[in-house]
């Protein structure tokens, strides 16, 4: 899966918030520099795939590739 800015998403999972005990939105690990795992970064998205406080872009949750 890639973001709309063509950055590879390594993994994606539902974000868990222990204070409320609920799952809200998505969290994942991104390969910011292609082929270099030392520059991986973490990001969050809303339930519908909109970027939350980062510039890596939105994700298309219907496209699982």
Protein backbone atom coordinates (compact mmCIF):
# COMPACT_ATOMS: atom_id res chain seq x y z
CA UNK A 1 0.00 0.00 0.00
CA UNK A 2 1.18 3.53 -0.72
CA UNK A 3 0.05 6.98 0.34
CA UNK A 4 -1.28 9.43 -2.23
CA UNK A 5 2.22 11.01 -2.23
CA UNK A 6 3.69 7.62 -3.33
CA UNK A 7 5.30 6.72 0.02
CA UNK A 8 5.24 3.01 0.88
CA UNK A 9 3.26 1.95 3.96
CA UNK A 10 5.12 -0.93 5.65
CA UNK A 11 2.26 -1.87 7.99
CA UNK A 12 -1.10 -0.46 8.95
CA UNK A 13 -3.28 -1.16 11.97
CA UNK A 14 -6.18 0.34 13.88
CA UNK A 15 -5.02 2.91 16.45
CA UNK A 16 -5.87 2.01 20.05
CA UNK A 17 -6.34 4.72 22.68
CA UNK A 18 -5.98 3.24 26.18
CA UNK A 19 -7.45 6.28 27.96
CA UNK A 20 -10.80 5.76 26.22
CA UNK A 21 -10.43 2.03 25.56
CA UNK A 22 -11.42 2.45 21.91
CA UNK A 23 -9.98 2.03 18.44
CA UNK A 24 -10.02 5.28 16.43
CA UNK A 25 -8.31 5.86 13.10
CA UNK A 26 -5.23 4.14 11.73
CA UNK A 27 -1.53 4.07 12.57
CA UNK A 28 1.29 2.77 10.45
CA UNK A 29 4.96 2.68 9.59
CA UNK A 30 6.20 4.38 6.41
CA UNK A 31 9.32 3.80 4.32
CA UNK A 32 10.16 7.48 3.73
CA UNK A 33 13.43 6.80 1.83
CA UNK A 34 13.05 3.89 -0.62
CA UNK A 35 15.30 0.97 0.31
CA UNK A 36 16.56 2.56 3.55
CA UNK A 37 14.92 1.23 6.75
CA UNK A 38 16.87 3.73 8.89
CA UNK A 39 14.56 6.50 7.66
CA UNK A 40 11.24 4.80 8.49
CA UNK A 41 8.67 6.96 10.24
CA UNK A 42 5.31 6.47 11.96
CA UNK A 43 2.11 8.26 11.00
CA UNK A 44 -1.60 8.38 11.87
CA UNK A 45 -4.72 8.69 9.73
CA UNK A 46 -8.40 9.21 10.47
CA UNK A 47 -10.97 6.44 10.07
CA UNK A 48 -11.52 7.45 6.43
CA UNK A 49 -7.79 7.64 5.56
CA UNK A 50 -7.08 11.36 5.86
CA UNK A 51 -3.59 12.33 7.12
CA UNK A 52 -3.43 13.41 10.75
CA UNK A 53 -0.62 15.89 11.60
CA UNK A 54 1.89 14.81 8.92
CA UNK A 55 2.82 15.61 5.30
CA UNK A 56 3.09 12.03 3.97
CA UNK A 57 -0.37 12.05 2.41
CA UNK A 58 -3.71 10.31 2.71
CA UNK A 59 -4.25 6.59 2.18
CA UNK A 60 -6.87 4.82 0.13
CA UNK A 61 -8.28 2.17 2.48
CA UNK A 62 -10.22 0.48 -0.35
CA UNK A 63 -6.96 -0.20 -2.21
CA UNK A 64 -5.11 -2.75 -0.08
CA UNK A 65 -2.06 -2.99 -2.38
